[in-house]
Amino acid sequence: MNKIAALANRVPVTALLLTLTLTTTACSRFNSNGGLSLWGIAILVLDVLALIDVFRQPWSLGKKILWVAIIWFLPVLGLILYYLMAGRGKSNLT
């Protein structure tokens, strides 16, 4: 029952990330001149924030490396997976 409650708490973040995913897949991350588009910058900022959050967690080094790899190689999907399935607890720095 606690797992269902924990997943229910993540629904708003998931809905936001799903909306962002659908929006970003409809257009390119790069402009015609090769520069990042607004959505590309938003994904980059969210990925960096997620990576910082990974390093703040009291996990083993292996688990941190795994989540960093997932977020790094799958920028949009990695964000969604991280916020849905990471099982984040309190960070060390709070």
C-alpha atoms as a PDB file:
ATOM      1  CA  MET A   1       0.000   0.000   0.000  1.00  0.00           C
ATOM      2  CA  ASN A   2       2.898   2.351   0.735  1.00  0.00           C
ATOM      3  CA  LYS A   3       4.277   1.792  -2.759  1.00  0.00           C
ATOM      4  CA  ILE A   4       0.966   2.886  -4.299  1.00  0.00           C
ATOM      5  CA  ALA A   5       0.919   6.006  -2.131  1.00  0.00           C
ATOM      6  CA  ALA A   6       4.524   6.776  -3.107  1.00  0.00           C
ATOM      7  CA  LEU A   7       3.698   6.437  -6.804  1.00  0.00           C
ATOM      8  CA  ALA A   8       0.579   8.574  -6.385  1.00  0.00           C
ATOM      9  CA  ASN A   9       2.746  11.369  -4.979  1.00  0.00           C
ATOM     10  CA  ARG A  10       4.801  11.364  -8.175  1.00  0.00           C
ATOM     11  CA  VAL A  11       1.857  11.691 -10.568  1.00  0.00           C
ATOM     12  CA  PRO A  12       2.045  15.522 -10.918  1.00  0.00           C
ATOM     13  CA  VAL A  13       5.763  15.424 -11.765  1.00  0.00           C
ATOM     14  CA  THR A  14       5.169  12.571 -14.184  1.00  0.00           C
ATOM     15  CA  ALA A  15       2.343  14.423 -15.903  1.00  0.00           C
ATOM     16  CA  LEU A  16       4.561  17.474 -16.309  1.00  0.00           C
ATOM     17  CA  LEU A  17       7.436  15.421 -17.692  1.00  0.00           C
ATOM     18  CA  LEU A  18       5.135  13.510 -20.049  1.00  0.00           C
ATOM     19  CA  THR A  19       3.770  16.783 -21.393  1.00  0.00           C
ATOM     20  CA  LEU A  20       7.306  18.071 -21.827  1.00  0.00           C
ATOM     21  CA  THR A  21       8.286  14.850 -23.603  1.00  0.00           C
ATOM     22  CA  LEU A  22       5.406  15.065 -26.043  1.00  0.00           C
ATOM     23  CA  THR A  23       6.203  18.695 -26.739  1.00  0.00           C
ATOM     24  CA  THR A  24       9.896  18.119 -27.329  1.00  0.00           C
ATOM     25  CA  THR A  25       9.388  15.152 -29.612  1.00  0.00           C
ATOM     26  CA  ALA A  26       7.213  17.277 -31.870  1.00  0.00           C
ATOM     27  CA  CYS A  27      10.090  19.611 -32.708  1.00  0.00           C
ATOM     28  CA  SER A  28      13.829  19.485 -33.076  1.00  0.00           C
ATOM     29  CA  ARG A  29      16.112  20.379 -30.199  1.00  0.00           C
ATOM     30  CA  PHE A  30      18.224  22.442 -32.563  1.00  0.00           C
ATOM     31  CA  ASN A  31      17.366  25.503 -34.628  1.00  0.00           C
ATOM     32  CA  SER A  32      18.212  25.741 -38.316  1.00  0.00           C
ATOM     33  CA  ASN A  33      21.462  27.548 -37.469  1.00  0.00           C
ATOM     34  CA  GLY A  34      22.605  24.683 -35.212  1.00  0.00           C
ATOM     35  CA  GLY A  35      21.892  26.405 -31.894  1.00  0.00           C
ATOM     36  CA  LEU A  36      19.848  24.811 -29.144  1.00  0.00           C
ATOM     37  CA  SER A  37      16.150  25.565 -29.185  1.00  0.00           C
ATOM     38  CA  LEU A  38      14.234  26.644 -26.096  1.00  0.00           C
ATOM     39  CA  TRP A  39      13.067  23.055 -25.494  1.00  0.00           C
ATOM     40  CA  GLY A  40      16.610  21.757 -25.829  1.00  0.00           C
ATOM     41  CA  ILE A  41      17.759  24.186 -23.155  1.00  0.00           C
ATOM     42  CA  ALA A  42      14.844  23.179 -20.899  1.00  0.00           C
ATOM     43  CA  ILE A  43      15.758  19.484 -21.244  1.00  0.00           C
ATOM     44  CA  LEU A  44      19.402  20.280 -20.535  1.00  0.00           C
ATOM     45  CA  VAL A  45      18.509  22.215 -17.369  1.00  0.00           C
ATOM     46  CA  LEU A  46      16.191  19.443 -16.133  1.00  0.00           C
ATOM     47  CA  ASP A  47      18.861  16.807 -16.827  1.00  0.00           C
ATOM     48  CA  VAL A  48      21.482  18.770 -14.903  1.00  0.00           C
ATOM     49  CA  LEU A  49      19.096  19.194 -11.963  1.00  0.00           C
ATOM     50  CA  ALA A  50      18.344  15.460 -11.997  1.00  0.00           C
ATOM     51  CA  LEU A  51      22.064  14.641 -12.084  1.00  0.00           C
ATOM     52  CA  ILE A  52      22.704  16.936  -9.111  1.00  0.00           C
ATOM     53  CA  ASP A  53      19.845  15.229  -7.289  1.00  0.00           C
ATOM     54  CA  VAL A  54      21.370  11.811  -8.022  1.00  0.00           C
ATOM     55  CA  PHE A  55      24.646  12.807  -6.404  1.00  0.00           C
ATOM     56  CA  ARG A  56      22.848  14.151  -3.327  1.00  0.00           C
ATOM     57  CA  GLN A  57      21.185  10.799  -2.613  1.00  0.00           C
ATOM     58  CA  PRO A  58      22.625   8.449   0.043  1.00  0.00           C
ATOM     59  CA  TRP A  59      22.984   5.568  -2.433  1.00  0.00           C
ATOM     60  CA  SER A  60      25.848   3.274  -3.269  1.00  0.00           C
ATOM     61  CA  LEU A  61      28.259   4.367  -5.973  1.00  0.00           C
ATOM     62  CA  GLY A  62      26.948   1.685  -8.358  1.00  0.00           C
ATOM     63  CA  LYS A  63      23.367   2.908  -8.135  1.00  0.00           C
ATOM     64  CA  LYS A  64      24.475   6.510  -8.697  1.00  0.00           C
ATOM     65  CA  ILE A  65      26.502   5.533 -11.767  1.00  0.00           C
ATOM     66  CA  LEU A  66      23.558   3.590 -13.161  1.00  0.00           C
ATOM     67  CA  TRP A  67      21.162   6.546 -12.814  1.00  0.00           C
ATOM     68  CA  VAL A  68      23.707   8.989 -14.239  1.00  0.00           C
ATOM     69  CA  ALA A  69      24.109   6.716 -17.290  1.00  0.00           C
ATOM     70  CA  ILE A  70      20.350   6.434 -17.771  1.00  0.00           C
ATOM     71  CA  ILE A  71      19.837  10.203 -17.535  1.00  0.00           C
ATOM     72  CA  TRP A  72      22.887  10.943 -19.715  1.00  0.00           C
ATOM     73  CA  PHE A  73      22.084   8.552 -22.578  1.00  0.00           C
ATOM     74  CA  LEU A  74      18.278   8.950 -22.503  1.00  0.00           C
ATOM     75  CA  PRO A  75      17.748  12.644 -21.682  1.00  0.00           C
ATOM     76  CA  VAL A  76      13.947  12.845 -21.784  1.00  0.00           C
ATOM     77  CA  LEU A  77      13.077   9.230 -21.036  1.00  0.00           C
ATOM     78  CA  GLY A  78      15.785   9.133 -18.359  1.00  0.00           C
ATOM     79  CA  LEU A  79      14.135  12.040 -16.546  1.00  0.00           C
ATOM     80  CA  ILE A  80      10.788  10.303 -16.550  1.00  0.00           C
ATOM     81  CA  LEU A  81      12.282   7.009 -15.386  1.00  0.00           C
ATOM     82  CA  TYR A  82      14.280   8.736 -12.659  1.00  0.00           C
ATOM     83  CA  TYR A  83      11.332  10.577 -11.167  1.00  0.00           C
ATOM     84  CA  LEU A  84       9.066   7.526 -11.402  1.00  0.00           C
ATOM     85  CA  MET A  85      11.322   4.675 -10.388  1.00  0.00           C
ATOM     86  CA  ALA A  86      14.361   5.964  -8.517  1.00  0.00           C
ATOM     87  CA  GLY A  87      12.910   5.488  -5.050  1.00  0.00           C
ATOM     88  CA  ARG A  88      14.505   8.696  -3.901  1.00  0.00           C
ATOM     89  CA  GLY A  89      14.794   9.304  -0.181  1.00  0.00           C
ATOM     90  CA  LYS A  90      16.155  12.174   1.840  1.00  0.00           C
ATOM     91  CA  SER A  91      19.376  13.592   0.510  1.00  0.00           C
ATOM     92  CA  ASN A  92      22.565  13.938   2.524  1.00  0.00           C
ATOM     93  CA  LEU A  93      22.665  17.710   2.170  1.00  0.00           C
ATOM     94  CA  THR A  94      19.285  18.581   3.630  1.00  0.00           C
END
